[in-house]
């Protein structure tokens, strides 16, 4: 009885052991199935994961870090695996034979893995502290150790998804090849299977994902463009387009055009802030309509300028909008306060999609719109007697800055063609910006280049650089017209370019950006991806960093208009300039008023 019980227990334990071995073997097979086997690929993935955690221009959230890391891990594995295949081909072709004792191979593998783990831990520790410095420099919150763990887990999950997709494609290729072998020659079947897989990938990525995604984005953007924000109603004052007396119909103006036309100070608000008599500022806007091209829209702008008698004002600002037709109030309202309302702001819409999509699908649109608006309005200005013309200034933020500079090819062009300009956070691909930056004085950094001793054109990272260069050296006389480029060293919109893939940029090599982490390094291929990941975060930074240009634009406009201390008024194109009343206290009052208008 006891013997049988012991026997049964032994059999039961043996069965359990067999079951455990089966499940253990299944688990091992599952892991081997999910985890690719290329050792060089694994090294590449680890290396690129460490790179993905290295400092960039801006700190990230854990989930966005997981996305970036997953992209680089997959890319790193592909690079490492490809390098391993090439090395194996070279070894085989050269008939190189190497024999390693199994014990040495075993311990060599263990040591390699151990070194990789230690290097990864050391690199991530350095990355953690370096990213804290990045966050501190731009006034943002750094990832915590918990965030790093979450980012790692999210990265692993995304990489697993990619692995499953690859396995699915391999299974499909094997199926196509197997059936192809039955009806086709042996060498043709795998080639045909490969071509079919490539065709499927191209179709899915271009026609399904990209094309359908773009169509969806355009459809939603069109719906948004025709809507009216809550609490916004048609302007009452005839000094605004879209009013009852306007040639520009309220219904033809998009959502961001409507916001522009009802925003900003009126004469009474300006008087309260400045303590001086003020005029009602003029705002002119031509919306996007299917049956109206850009030339007709520009003609409508001119008609509106005539209707509002804008050409009789001292200052006329031609502003180029972003892709959605949006204008940054911080680049507009300073002019209205500083001129006491003796100004007119004119613009027109050329698209209704976000700037990122417009940059990809409608790259020429902002430049064409900027050129057409400038040519059409300036033709009307030149028809006026020379002593009755308003001073014409140009402005634009981001994609708007790209479009606003399109009428000019060189330094002399812009000096001769405009009375002043404020261009903010323009994309790296802006032709005039690139030309001027490349012609900078030796010894001046790319983040703040000096052009012709700063006599007419000045690049600034902040308002404190209007009179001195980045290193504190005084500029000479600032002559009219005055053109200012405002760009932050941590603005990825300004510094990202495809050339980052293969070439180290001067702005990073020079280490001149005051809010750029000194630990940031250029790595071929990876830096371009890192900065692409910074682009969606550019508008989330505090004011004065990234793509956020707000308070600093008041002193910038003050200087461009010749309202700063010591500016000559004899040659100032702004005929109503009076610098005596604008001081730091007044600028603070303007900042408070604009913030109250925008944020409540």
Protein backbone atom coordinates (compact mmCIF):
# COMPACT_ATOMS: atom_id res chain seq x y z
CA UNK A 1 0.00 0.00 0.00
CA UNK A 2 2.72 2.41 1.01
CA UNK A 3 4.88 1.14 -1.84
CA UNK A 4 2.09 1.79 -4.36
CA UNK A 5 1.49 5.25 -2.90
CA UNK A 6 5.20 6.06 -3.21
CA UNK A 7 5.23 4.67 -6.70
CA UNK A 8 2.24 6.77 -7.75
CA UNK A 9 3.77 9.89 -6.21
CA UNK A 10 6.99 9.23 -8.10
CA UNK A 11 5.13 8.80 -11.39
CA UNK A 12 3.13 11.97 -10.71
CA UNK A 13 6.30 13.91 -9.96
CA UNK A 14 7.90 12.58 -13.14
CA UNK A 15 4.89 13.64 -15.18
CA UNK A 16 5.05 17.13 -13.64
CA UNK A 17 8.75 17.34 -14.42
CA UNK A 18 8.12 16.34 -18.03
CA UNK A 19 5.37 18.96 -18.25
CA UNK A 20 7.66 21.62 -16.82
CA UNK A 21 10.34 20.69 -19.34
CA UNK A 22 7.80 20.88 -22.18
CA UNK A 23 6.61 24.33 -21.09
CA UNK A 24 10.18 25.41 -20.48
CA UNK A 25 11.20 24.30 -23.96
CA UNK A 26 8.15 26.01 -25.43
CA UNK A 27 9.09 29.21 -23.61
CA UNK A 28 12.63 28.99 -24.91
CA UNK A 29 11.37 28.37 -28.45
CA UNK A 30 8.95 31.29 -28.11
CA UNK A 31 11.76 33.59 -26.94
CA UNK A 32 13.99 32.41 -29.79
CA UNK A 33 11.14 32.97 -32.21
CA UNK A 34 10.44 36.50 -30.96
CA UNK A 35 14.05 37.62 -30.43
CA UNK A 36 16.14 37.78 -33.63
CA UNK A 37 19.40 35.87 -33.52
CA UNK A 38 21.96 38.29 -34.99
CA UNK A 39 24.60 39.04 -32.36
CA UNK A 40 25.93 42.11 -34.28
CA UNK A 41 22.29 43.21 -34.57
CA UNK A 42 21.87 42.99 -30.80
CA UNK A 43 25.01 45.09 -30.28
CA UNK A 44 23.70 47.66 -32.76
CA UNK A 45 20.33 47.78 -31.01
CA UNK A 46 21.97 48.29 -27.60
CA UNK A 47 24.24 51.01 -28.98
CA UNK A 48 21.35 52.87 -30.62
CA UNK A 49 19.20 52.54 -27.51
CA UNK A 50 21.93 54.24 -25.50
CA UNK A 51 22.16 56.93 -28.22
CA UNK A 52 18.39 57.47 -28.10
CA UNK A 53 18.69 58.30 -24.41
CA UNK A 54 21.50 60.79 -24.97
CA UNK A 55 20.80 64.54 -24.57
CA UNK A 56 19.03 66.38 -27.36
CA UNK A 57 17.73 69.96 -27.52
CA UNK A 58 14.65 69.32 -25.39
CA UNK A 59 13.64 66.86 -22.62
CA UNK A 60 10.90 64.32 -23.35
CA UNK A 61 8.05 62.50 -21.68
CA UNK A 62 8.48 58.78 -21.02
CA UNK A 63 6.09 57.64 -23.75
CA UNK A 64 7.61 59.88 -26.41
CA UNK A 65 11.07 58.73 -25.35
CA UNK A 66 9.83 55.17 -25.81
CA UNK A 67 8.76 55.95 -29.39
CA UNK A 68 12.12 57.56 -30.24
CA UNK A 69 14.08 54.73 -28.62
CA UNK A 70 12.07 52.08 -30.46
CA UNK A 71 12.79 53.73 -33.82
CA UNK A 72 16.51 53.87 -33.10
CA UNK A 73 16.63 50.36 -31.62
CA UNK A 74 15.03 48.88 -34.74
CA UNK A 75 17.36 50.92 -36.93
CA UNK A 76 20.38 49.93 -34.83
CA UNK A 77 19.52 46.25 -35.08
CA UNK A 78 19.13 46.56 -38.85
CA UNK A 79 22.51 48.29 -39.18
CA UNK A 80 24.25 45.75 -36.93
CA UNK A 81 22.66 42.76 -38.62
CA UNK A 82 23.55 44.12 -42.06
CA UNK A 83 27.15 44.67 -40.94
CA UNK A 84 27.25 41.09 -39.64
CA UNK A 85 25.98 39.73 -42.95
CA UNK A 86 28.55 41.74 -44.91
CA UNK A 87 31.33 40.54 -42.61
CA UNK A 88 30.21 36.94 -43.01
CA UNK A 89 30.18 37.31 -46.81
CA UNK A 90 33.70 38.75 -46.75
CA UNK A 91 34.93 35.91 -44.53
CA UNK A 92 33.31 33.27 -46.73
CA UNK A 93 34.58 34.78 -49.98
CA UNK A 94 38.09 35.15 -48.56
CA UNK A 95 37.87 31.56 -47.25
CA UNK A 96 39.02 32.73 -43.83
CA UNK A 97 38.76 29.96 -41.25
CA UNK A 98 38.87 30.60 -37.53
CA UNK A 99 38.67 27.94 -34.83
CA UNK A 100 37.80 28.92 -31.28
CA UNK A 101 37.76 26.55 -28.34
CA UNK A 102 34.14 26.06 -27.21
CA UNK A 103 35.02 27.13 -23.68
CA UNK A 104 36.62 30.34 -24.95
CA UNK A 105 33.59 31.00 -27.14
CA UNK A 106 31.29 30.46 -24.17
CA UNK A 107 33.22 32.79 -21.87
CA UNK A 108 33.80 35.31 -24.65
CA UNK A 109 30.07 35.55 -25.17
CA UNK A 110 29.45 35.94 -21.45
CA UNK A 111 32.10 38.65 -21.13
CA UNK A 112 30.71 40.50 -24.17
CA UNK A 113 27.22 40.45 -22.72
CA UNK A 114 28.53 41.57 -19.33
CA UNK A 115 30.49 44.43 -20.87
CA UNK A 116 27.46 45.46 -22.93
CA UNK A 117 25.29 45.48 -19.79
CA UNK A 118 27.84 47.52 -17.83
CA UNK A 119 28.37 50.00 -20.67
CA UNK A 120 24.60 50.36 -21.11
CA UNK A 121 24.07 50.96 -17.39
CA UNK A 122 26.93 53.46 -17.26
CA UNK A 123 25.69 55.27 -20.36
CA UNK A 124 22.11 55.44 -19.11
CA UNK A 125 23.31 56.79 -15.77
CA UNK A 126 25.25 59.53 -17.56
CA UNK A 127 22.24 60.14 -19.81
CA UNK A 128 19.96 60.51 -16.80
CA UNK A 129 22.08 63.26 -15.26
CA UNK A 130 22.74 64.93 -18.64
CA UNK A 131 19.02 65.06 -19.43
CA UNK A 132 18.42 66.69 -16.05
CA UNK A 133 20.81 69.43 -17.19
CA UNK A 134 18.89 69.77 -20.48
CA UNK A 135 15.61 70.15 -18.62
CA UNK A 136 17.11 72.69 -16.23
CA UNK A 137 18.53 74.79 -19.09
CA UNK A 138 15.15 75.13 -20.80
CA UNK A 139 13.04 75.26 -17.65
CA UNK A 140 11.23 71.95 -18.17
CA UNK A 141 10.72 68.79 -16.09
CA UNK A 142 13.24 65.98 -16.54
CA UNK A 143 12.36 62.29 -16.67
CA UNK A 144 12.53 60.52 -13.31
CA UNK A 145 14.00 57.01 -12.76
CA UNK A 146 10.42 55.72 -12.90
CA UNK A 147 9.99 57.44 -16.28
CA UNK A 148 13.14 55.73 -17.54
CA UNK A 149 11.73 52.33 -16.57
CA UNK A 150 8.42 53.12 -18.26
CA UNK A 151 10.26 54.36 -21.36
CA UNK A 152 12.29 51.13 -21.48
CA UNK A 153 9.14 49.00 -21.16
CA UNK A 154 7.34 51.01 -23.83
CA UNK A 155 10.36 50.70 -26.12
CA UNK A 156 10.38 46.92 -25.65
CA UNK A 157 6.67 46.74 -26.43
CA UNK A 158 7.00 48.75 -29.63
CA UNK A 159 10.04 46.75 -30.75
CA UNK A 160 8.05 43.56 -30.13
CA UNK A 161 5.26 44.87 -32.35
CA UNK A 162 7.80 45.58 -35.11
CA UNK A 163 9.26 42.08 -34.67
CA UNK A 164 5.82 40.52 -35.06
CA UNK A 165 5.24 42.53 -38.22
CA UNK A 166 8.58 41.35 -39.60
CA UNK A 167 7.75 37.74 -38.74
CA UNK A 168 4.42 38.14 -40.47
CA UNK A 169 6.15 39.43 -43.59
CA UNK A 170 8.65 36.53 -43.46
CA UNK A 171 5.78 34.06 -43.17
CA UNK A 172 4.08 35.69 -46.14
CA UNK A 173 7.34 35.54 -48.12
CA UNK A 174 7.79 31.84 -47.31
CA UNK A 175 4.21 31.13 -48.36
CA UNK A 176 4.59 33.01 -51.65
CA UNK A 177 7.94 31.35 -52.32
CA UNK A 178 6.59 27.89 -51.51
CA UNK A 179 3.66 28.21 -53.89
CA UNK A 180 5.86 29.91 -56.46
CA UNK A 181 8.25 26.95 -56.47
CA UNK A 182 5.41 24.77 -57.73
CA UNK A 183 4.79 26.77 -60.91
CA UNK A 184 7.96 28.80 -61.47
CA UNK A 185 11.67 28.04 -61.90
CA UNK A 186 13.55 27.67 -58.63
CA UNK A 187 15.54 30.89 -58.98
CA UNK A 188 12.61 33.06 -60.09
CA UNK A 189 10.18 32.19 -57.28
CA UNK A 190 12.08 33.86 -54.38
CA UNK A 191 12.79 36.94 -56.50
CA UNK A 192 9.12 37.27 -57.40
CA UNK A 193 8.11 36.74 -53.76
CA UNK A 194 10.50 39.52 -52.70
CA UNK A 195 9.13 41.91 -55.34
CA UNK A 196 5.57 41.20 -54.20
CA UNK A 197 6.48 41.90 -50.56
CA UNK A 198 8.18 45.18 -51.56
CA UNK A 199 5.13 46.15 -53.64
CA UNK A 200 2.84 45.45 -50.70
CA UNK A 201 5.01 47.53 -48.36
CA UNK A 202 5.14 50.43 -50.81
CA UNK A 203 1.38 50.30 -51.36
CA UNK A 204 0.57 50.14 -47.65
CA UNK A 205 3.02 52.90 -46.67
CA UNK A 206 2.29 55.32 -49.52
CA UNK A 207 -1.29 54.69 -50.59
CA UNK A 208 -2.83 53.46 -47.35
CA UNK A 209 -0.93 55.08 -44.49
CA UNK A 210 0.49 58.28 -46.04
CA UNK A 211 -2.16 59.09 -48.62
CA UNK A 212 -5.12 58.13 -46.46
CA UNK A 213 -3.55 59.91 -43.49
CA UNK A 214 -3.09 63.06 -45.52
CA UNK A 215 -6.63 62.92 -46.86
CA UNK A 216 -7.96 62.52 -43.33
CA UNK A 217 -5.80 65.43 -42.09
CA UNK A 218 -6.94 67.68 -44.94
CA UNK A 219 -10.59 66.78 -44.39
CA UNK A 220 -10.42 67.52 -40.67
CA UNK A 221 -8.45 70.71 -41.26
CA UNK A 222 -11.06 71.90 -43.78
CA UNK A 223 -13.84 71.23 -41.28
CA UNK A 224 -11.98 73.12 -38.58
CA UNK A 225 -11.24 76.01 -40.93
CA UNK A 226 -14.94 76.65 -41.59
CA UNK A 227 -15.88 76.66 -37.92
CA UNK A 228 -16.14 79.63 -35.58
CA UNK A 229 -14.57 79.49 -32.11
CA UNK A 230 -16.99 79.79 -29.17
CA UNK A 231 -17.46 83.34 -27.93
CA UNK A 232 -16.27 84.95 -31.17
CA UNK A 233 -18.60 87.14 -33.20
CA UNK A 234 -18.25 89.34 -36.26
CA UNK A 235 -16.19 92.52 -35.66
CA UNK A 236 -18.17 95.72 -35.22
CA UNK A 237 -15.46 98.25 -35.96
CA UNK A 238 -14.95 99.03 -39.68
CA UNK A 239 -11.19 98.96 -39.02
CA UNK A 240 -11.31 95.16 -39.14
CA UNK A 241 -11.88 92.87 -42.12
CA UNK A 242 -14.99 90.74 -41.81
CA UNK A 243 -17.05 93.61 -40.40
CA UNK A 244 -20.34 94.69 -41.98
CA UNK A 245 -18.56 97.36 -44.05
CA UNK A 246 -15.73 95.07 -45.16
CA UNK A 247 -15.12 93.73 -48.68
CA UNK A 248 -13.85 90.52 -47.02
CA UNK A 249 -16.84 88.39 -46.03
CA UNK A 250 -16.87 87.04 -42.47
CA UNK A 251 -18.03 83.65 -43.79
CA UNK A 252 -15.00 83.41 -46.11
CA UNK A 253 -12.53 83.81 -43.27
CA UNK A 254 -11.13 80.70 -41.56
CA UNK A 255 -11.15 80.00 -37.85
CA UNK A 256 -7.69 81.46 -37.18
CA UNK A 257 -8.41 84.48 -39.34
CA UNK A 258 -11.51 85.14 -37.25
CA UNK A 259 -9.48 84.86 -34.06
CA UNK A 260 -6.96 87.33 -35.48
CA UNK A 261 -9.66 89.85 -36.41
CA UNK A 262 -11.32 89.88 -32.98
CA UNK A 263 -8.08 89.80 -30.96
CA UNK A 264 -5.75 92.58 -30.01
CA UNK A 265 -6.23 95.95 -28.33
CA UNK A 266 -8.57 98.73 -29.39
CA UNK A 267 -7.73 102.42 -29.02
CA UNK A 268 -9.13 102.57 -25.50
CA UNK A 269 -7.02 99.62 -24.29
CA UNK A 270 -3.88 101.14 -25.80
CA UNK A 271 -4.57 104.44 -24.06
CA UNK A 272 -5.06 102.66 -20.73
CA UNK A 273 -1.72 100.87 -21.03
CA UNK A 274 0.40 103.69 -22.49
CA UNK A 275 -1.32 106.74 -20.99
CA UNK A 276 -1.17 108.40 -24.41
CA UNK A 277 -3.74 109.20 -27.11
CA UNK A 278 -4.24 106.27 -29.47
CA UNK A 279 -5.86 105.38 -32.78
CA UNK A 280 -7.92 102.30 -33.59
CA UNK A 281 -5.48 99.70 -35.02
CA UNK A 282 -6.34 98.29 -38.43
CA UNK A 283 -6.34 94.55 -39.11
CA UNK A 284 -6.86 93.29 -42.67
CA UNK A 285 -7.32 89.62 -43.59
CA UNK A 286 -8.24 87.79 -46.80
CA UNK A 287 -9.48 84.24 -46.25
CA UNK A 288 -8.94 81.15 -48.41
CA UNK A 289 -11.68 80.43 -50.93
CA UNK A 290 -11.75 77.81 -53.70
CA UNK A 291 -12.80 80.28 -56.40
CA UNK A 292 -10.16 82.87 -55.44
CA UNK A 293 -6.45 82.50 -56.17
CA UNK A 294 -3.62 84.14 -54.23
CA UNK A 295 -3.40 87.13 -56.59
CA UNK A 296 -7.10 87.84 -56.13
CA UNK A 297 -6.70 87.45 -52.36
CA UNK A 298 -3.82 89.94 -52.40
CA UNK A 299 -5.95 92.38 -54.43
CA UNK A 300 -8.67 92.01 -51.79
CA UNK A 301 -6.09 92.90 -49.13
CA UNK A 302 -5.21 96.07 -51.06
CA UNK A 303 -8.90 96.96 -51.43
CA UNK A 304 -9.31 96.54 -47.68
CA UNK A 305 -6.26 98.70 -47.03
CA UNK A 306 -7.77 101.43 -49.17
CA UNK A 307 -11.17 101.07 -47.52
CA UNK A 308 -9.75 101.41 -44.01
CA UNK A 309 -7.38 104.20 -45.15
CA UNK A 310 -4.51 102.09 -43.92
CA UNK A 311 -2.06 103.75 -46.31
CA UNK A 312 -2.48 106.91 -44.25
CA UNK A 313 -1.10 105.22 -41.15
CA UNK A 314 2.56 105.61 -40.20
CA UNK A 315 3.27 101.86 -40.09
CA UNK A 316 2.06 99.05 -42.34
CA UNK A 317 3.01 95.48 -41.38
CA UNK A 318 2.72 92.66 -43.92
CA UNK A 319 2.48 89.44 -41.93
CA UNK A 320 2.71 86.00 -43.50
CA UNK A 321 0.62 83.42 -41.67
CA UNK A 322 1.45 79.79 -40.85
CA UNK A 323 -0.18 76.89 -42.71
CA UNK A 324 -3.51 77.15 -40.91
CA UNK A 325 -3.76 80.90 -41.44
CA UNK A 326 -2.74 81.53 -37.83
CA UNK A 327 -0.76 84.58 -36.71
CA UNK A 328 1.22 84.87 -33.47
CA UNK A 329 -0.32 87.70 -31.45
CA UNK A 330 3.02 88.30 -29.73
CA UNK A 331 4.44 89.34 -33.10
CA UNK A 332 1.47 91.67 -33.84
CA UNK A 333 0.27 93.34 -30.65
CA UNK A 334 3.66 94.89 -29.75
CA UNK A 335 3.43 96.97 -32.94
CA UNK A 336 -0.07 98.15 -32.05
CA UNK A 337 0.95 99.25 -28.56
CA UNK A 338 4.30 100.78 -29.58
CA UNK A 339 2.75 102.84 -32.40
CA UNK A 340 -0.26 103.90 -30.34
CA UNK A 341 -2.52 102.19 -32.85
CA UNK A 342 -1.08 104.22 -35.75
CA UNK A 343 -0.60 101.06 -37.77
CA UNK A 344 -2.22 98.48 -40.02
CA UNK A 345 -1.56 94.71 -40.06
CA UNK A 346 -2.32 92.91 -43.32
CA UNK A 347 -2.21 89.24 -44.20
CA UNK A 348 -3.95 86.54 -46.22
CA UNK A 349 -4.54 82.80 -45.90
CA UNK A 350 -2.89 80.40 -48.33
CA UNK A 351 -3.70 77.04 -46.67
CA UNK A 352 -5.75 75.52 -43.88
CA UNK A 353 -3.61 72.56 -42.82
CA UNK A 354 -1.10 72.58 -39.93
CA UNK A 355 2.37 73.87 -40.75
CA UNK A 356 3.98 70.41 -40.53
CA UNK A 357 1.68 69.11 -43.28
CA UNK A 358 1.96 72.32 -45.30
CA UNK A 359 5.76 72.00 -45.10
CA UNK A 360 5.57 68.50 -46.60
CA UNK A 361 2.75 68.87 -49.14
CA UNK A 362 2.65 72.61 -49.85
CA UNK A 363 6.24 73.70 -49.35
CA UNK A 364 6.06 76.42 -52.01
CA UNK A 365 2.71 77.84 -50.86
CA UNK A 366 3.99 80.13 -48.07
CA UNK A 367 6.76 81.46 -50.31
CA UNK A 368 4.39 82.12 -53.20
CA UNK A 369 1.89 83.76 -50.84
CA UNK A 370 4.60 85.93 -49.26
CA UNK A 371 5.85 87.03 -52.67
CA UNK A 372 2.37 87.78 -54.04
CA UNK A 373 1.28 89.73 -50.95
CA UNK A 374 4.49 91.78 -50.94
CA UNK A 375 4.42 92.55 -54.68
CA UNK A 376 0.74 93.50 -54.72
CA UNK A 377 0.81 95.74 -51.65
CA UNK A 378 4.11 97.39 -52.54
CA UNK A 379 2.76 98.24 -55.99
CA UNK A 380 -0.03 100.17 -54.26
CA UNK A 381 2.43 101.80 -51.85
CA UNK A 382 4.67 103.01 -54.69
CA UNK A 383 1.72 104.75 -56.31
CA UNK A 384 1.60 107.12 -53.32
CA UNK A 385 3.76 110.27 -53.07
CA UNK A 386 7.07 109.42 -51.41
CA UNK A 387 6.39 111.62 -48.39
CA UNK A 388 2.95 110.09 -47.79
CA UNK A 389 3.87 106.42 -47.82
CA UNK A 390 3.68 104.35 -44.66
CA UNK A 391 6.79 102.59 -43.39
CA UNK A 392 6.40 98.98 -44.52
CA UNK A 393 7.59 96.18 -42.23
CA UNK A 394 7.49 92.42 -42.73
CA UNK A 395 7.02 89.73 -40.12
CA UNK A 396 6.37 86.03 -39.84
CA UNK A 397 6.78 83.21 -37.35
CA UNK A 398 7.97 79.72 -38.32
CA UNK A 399 6.48 78.84 -41.72
CA UNK A 400 5.30 82.45 -41.94
CA UNK A 401 8.94 83.61 -41.66
CA UNK A 402 9.86 81.30 -44.53
CA UNK A 403 7.14 82.83 -46.71
CA UNK A 404 7.77 86.42 -45.65
CA UNK A 405 11.41 86.29 -46.82
CA UNK A 406 10.62 84.92 -50.28
CA UNK A 407 10.77 88.30 -52.11
CA UNK A 408 14.48 88.64 -51.30
CA UNK A 409 17.60 86.78 -52.42
CA UNK A 410 20.36 88.69 -50.67
CA UNK A 411 21.29 91.21 -47.98
CA UNK A 412 21.11 94.11 -50.44
CA UNK A 413 17.68 92.97 -51.66
CA UNK A 414 16.12 93.04 -48.22
CA UNK A 415 17.76 96.36 -47.28
CA UNK A 416 16.45 98.01 -50.42
CA UNK A 417 13.04 96.35 -50.40
CA UNK A 418 11.63 96.93 -46.92
CA UNK A 419 11.70 99.48 -44.06
CA UNK A 420 12.23 96.80 -41.42
CA UNK A 421 11.45 93.18 -40.53
CA UNK A 422 11.10 90.82 -37.59
CA UNK A 423 11.44 87.16 -38.59
CA UNK A 424 11.00 84.62 -35.84
CA UNK A 425 11.95 80.94 -35.59
CA UNK A 426 12.24 80.40 -39.33
CA UNK A 427 12.84 76.88 -40.70
CA UNK A 428 16.40 75.82 -41.54
CA UNK A 429 15.47 75.55 -45.23
CA UNK A 430 14.70 79.29 -45.56
CA UNK A 431 16.88 80.39 -48.54
CA UNK A 432 17.62 83.99 -47.44
CA UNK A 433 18.34 82.91 -43.85
CA UNK A 434 20.71 80.24 -45.11
CA UNK A 435 22.51 82.68 -47.44
CA UNK A 436 22.99 85.26 -44.69
CA UNK A 437 24.08 82.69 -42.11
CA UNK A 438 26.66 81.20 -44.46
CA UNK A 439 28.12 84.68 -45.14
CA UNK A 440 28.58 85.54 -41.44
CA UNK A 441 31.75 87.06 -40.04
CA UNK A 442 34.47 84.70 -38.94
CA UNK A 443 34.32 84.26 -35.20
CA UNK A 444 30.57 84.67 -35.02
CA UNK A 445 28.66 81.46 -34.28
CA UNK A 446 25.88 80.00 -36.38
CA UNK A 447 23.35 80.41 -33.57
CA UNK A 448 23.92 84.20 -33.63
CA UNK A 449 25.80 85.20 -36.80
CA UNK A 450 27.08 88.72 -37.38
CA UNK A 451 26.33 90.13 -40.85
CA UNK A 452 28.16 93.25 -42.11
CA UNK A 453 28.97 94.33 -38.55
CA UNK A 454 25.28 94.33 -37.68
CA UNK A 455 24.63 97.64 -39.47
CA UNK A 456 21.23 96.54 -40.79
CA UNK A 457 20.66 92.84 -40.01
CA UNK A 458 20.97 91.31 -36.56
CA UNK A 459 20.48 87.74 -35.40
CA UNK A 460 19.52 87.44 -31.75
CA UNK A 461 18.82 84.58 -29.34
CA UNK A 462 17.03 87.03 -27.07
CA UNK A 463 16.35 90.75 -26.62
CA UNK A 464 19.62 91.16 -24.69
CA UNK A 465 21.59 90.69 -27.93
CA UNK A 466 20.12 93.63 -29.84
CA UNK A 467 23.14 95.85 -29.13
CA UNK A 468 25.93 93.30 -28.65
CA UNK A 469 26.87 90.00 -30.22
CA UNK A 470 26.72 86.68 -28.38
CA UNK A 471 30.06 87.33 -26.71
CA UNK A 472 29.16 90.84 -25.48
CA UNK A 473 31.00 92.81 -28.17
CA UNK A 474 29.26 96.06 -29.12
CA UNK A 475 27.80 96.40 -32.59
CA UNK A 476 28.34 99.61 -34.50
CA UNK A 477 25.59 102.02 -35.50
CA UNK A 478 22.28 100.32 -36.20
CA UNK A 479 21.12 101.92 -39.40
CA UNK A 480 17.71 101.87 -41.03
CA UNK A 481 16.15 99.70 -42.26
CA UNK A 482 16.52 97.34 -39.31
CA UNK A 483 15.99 93.61 -39.83
CA UNK A 484 16.02 91.20 -36.90
CA UNK A 485 16.06 87.41 -36.86
CA UNK A 486 14.97 85.97 -33.52
CA UNK A 487 16.03 82.35 -33.02
CA UNK A 488 16.59 80.21 -29.95
CA UNK A 489 19.53 77.79 -29.87
CA UNK A 490 17.09 75.11 -28.62
CA UNK A 491 14.51 75.61 -31.38
CA UNK A 492 14.57 72.43 -33.51
CA UNK A 493 12.49 74.19 -36.19
CA UNK A 494 15.49 76.43 -36.85
CA UNK A 495 18.22 73.80 -36.62
CA UNK A 496 16.77 70.57 -38.02
CA UNK A 497 17.76 69.71 -41.58
CA UNK A 498 18.33 66.52 -43.62
CA UNK A 499 22.06 67.38 -43.68
CA UNK A 500 22.20 66.37 -40.01
CA UNK A 501 22.24 62.76 -41.18
CA UNK A 502 25.79 62.95 -42.54
CA UNK A 503 27.28 66.28 -41.46
CA UNK A 504 27.94 67.78 -38.03
CA UNK A 505 26.31 71.23 -37.95
CA UNK A 506 28.33 74.30 -37.04
CA UNK A 507 25.82 75.38 -34.37
CA UNK A 508 26.49 72.15 -32.44
CA UNK A 509 30.22 71.99 -33.10
CA UNK A 510 30.73 75.59 -31.91
CA UNK A 511 29.03 74.99 -28.51
CA UNK A 512 27.68 78.56 -28.51
CA UNK A 513 24.02 78.00 -27.65
CA UNK A 514 23.49 79.24 -24.12
CA UNK A 515 20.62 76.85 -23.37
CA UNK A 516 21.99 73.85 -25.31
CA UNK A 517 23.37 71.06 -23.13
CA UNK A 518 27.18 70.90 -23.59
CA UNK A 519 26.90 67.10 -23.36
CA UNK A 520 24.90 66.94 -26.61
CA UNK A 521 26.95 65.28 -29.37
CA UNK A 522 26.45 64.78 -33.07
CA UNK A 523 26.09 61.13 -34.10
CA UNK A 524 25.74 60.24 -37.76
CA UNK A 525 22.12 59.40 -38.56
CA UNK A 526 20.97 59.33 -34.93
CA UNK A 527 21.12 63.09 -34.31
CA UNK A 528 18.75 63.74 -37.19
CA UNK A 529 16.23 61.32 -35.67
CA UNK A 530 16.75 62.79 -32.21
CA UNK A 531 16.00 66.30 -33.43
CA UNK A 532 13.03 65.14 -35.47
CA UNK A 533 11.69 63.86 -32.16
CA UNK A 534 12.27 67.33 -30.69
CA UNK A 535 10.09 69.03 -33.32
CA UNK A 536 6.69 68.07 -31.79
CA UNK A 537 7.95 69.32 -28.41
CA UNK A 538 9.18 72.68 -29.71
CA UNK A 539 5.97 74.49 -28.82
CA UNK A 540 5.73 73.06 -25.29
CA UNK A 541 8.73 74.85 -23.78
CA UNK A 542 8.62 77.90 -21.51
CA UNK A 543 8.85 81.31 -23.16
CA UNK A 544 12.37 82.08 -24.36
CA UNK A 545 13.28 78.50 -25.29
CA UNK A 546 12.40 76.10 -28.06
CA UNK A 547 9.84 77.51 -30.49
CA UNK A 548 8.18 79.82 -27.94
CA UNK A 549 8.80 83.48 -28.79
CA UNK A 550 6.65 85.83 -26.73
CA UNK A 551 7.77 88.59 -24.37
CA UNK A 552 11.11 89.17 -26.06
CA UNK A 553 9.34 90.37 -29.22
CA UNK A 554 8.27 93.63 -27.56
CA UNK A 555 11.83 95.01 -27.13
CA UNK A 556 12.72 93.56 -30.53
CA UNK A 557 9.93 95.53 -32.23
CA UNK A 558 10.81 98.55 -30.09
CA UNK A 559 14.32 98.52 -31.53
CA UNK A 560 13.28 97.78 -35.12
CA UNK A 561 10.82 100.69 -34.99
CA UNK A 562 13.56 102.97 -33.66
CA UNK A 563 11.91 103.50 -30.28
CA UNK A 564 14.88 102.42 -28.19
CA UNK A 565 17.27 104.74 -26.43
CA UNK A 566 19.87 106.44 -28.61
CA UNK A 567 18.22 105.61 -31.94
CA UNK A 568 18.52 108.28 -34.64
CA UNK A 569 15.17 109.68 -35.74
CA UNK A 570 16.40 111.68 -38.73
CA UNK A 571 16.43 108.67 -41.06
CA UNK A 572 13.80 106.56 -39.30
CA UNK A 573 11.18 105.39 -41.84
CA UNK A 574 8.59 105.35 -39.05
CA UNK A 575 7.72 109.03 -39.17
CA UNK A 576 5.77 109.01 -35.89
CA UNK A 577 8.56 107.50 -33.80
CA UNK A 578 8.96 108.91 -30.31
CA UNK A 579 11.34 106.86 -28.17
CA UNK A 580 11.04 109.03 -25.07
CA UNK A 581 8.07 107.27 -23.49
CA UNK A 582 9.03 103.60 -24.00
CA UNK A 583 10.93 102.27 -20.99
CA UNK A 584 11.20 98.97 -19.12
CA UNK A 585 8.19 99.76 -16.96
CA UNK A 586 6.08 100.48 -20.05
CA UNK A 587 7.22 97.22 -21.65
CA UNK A 588 6.13 95.34 -18.53
CA UNK A 589 2.71 97.01 -18.78
CA UNK A 590 2.45 95.87 -22.40
CA UNK A 591 3.42 92.32 -21.46
CA UNK A 592 0.74 92.26 -18.76
CA UNK A 593 -1.89 93.60 -21.18
CA UNK A 594 -1.06 91.08 -23.91
CA UNK A 595 -1.03 88.17 -21.46
CA UNK A 596 -4.40 89.27 -20.08
CA UNK A 597 -5.82 89.42 -23.62
CA UNK A 598 -4.46 86.02 -24.63
CA UNK A 599 -4.73 84.00 -21.44
CA UNK A 600 -7.43 85.81 -19.47
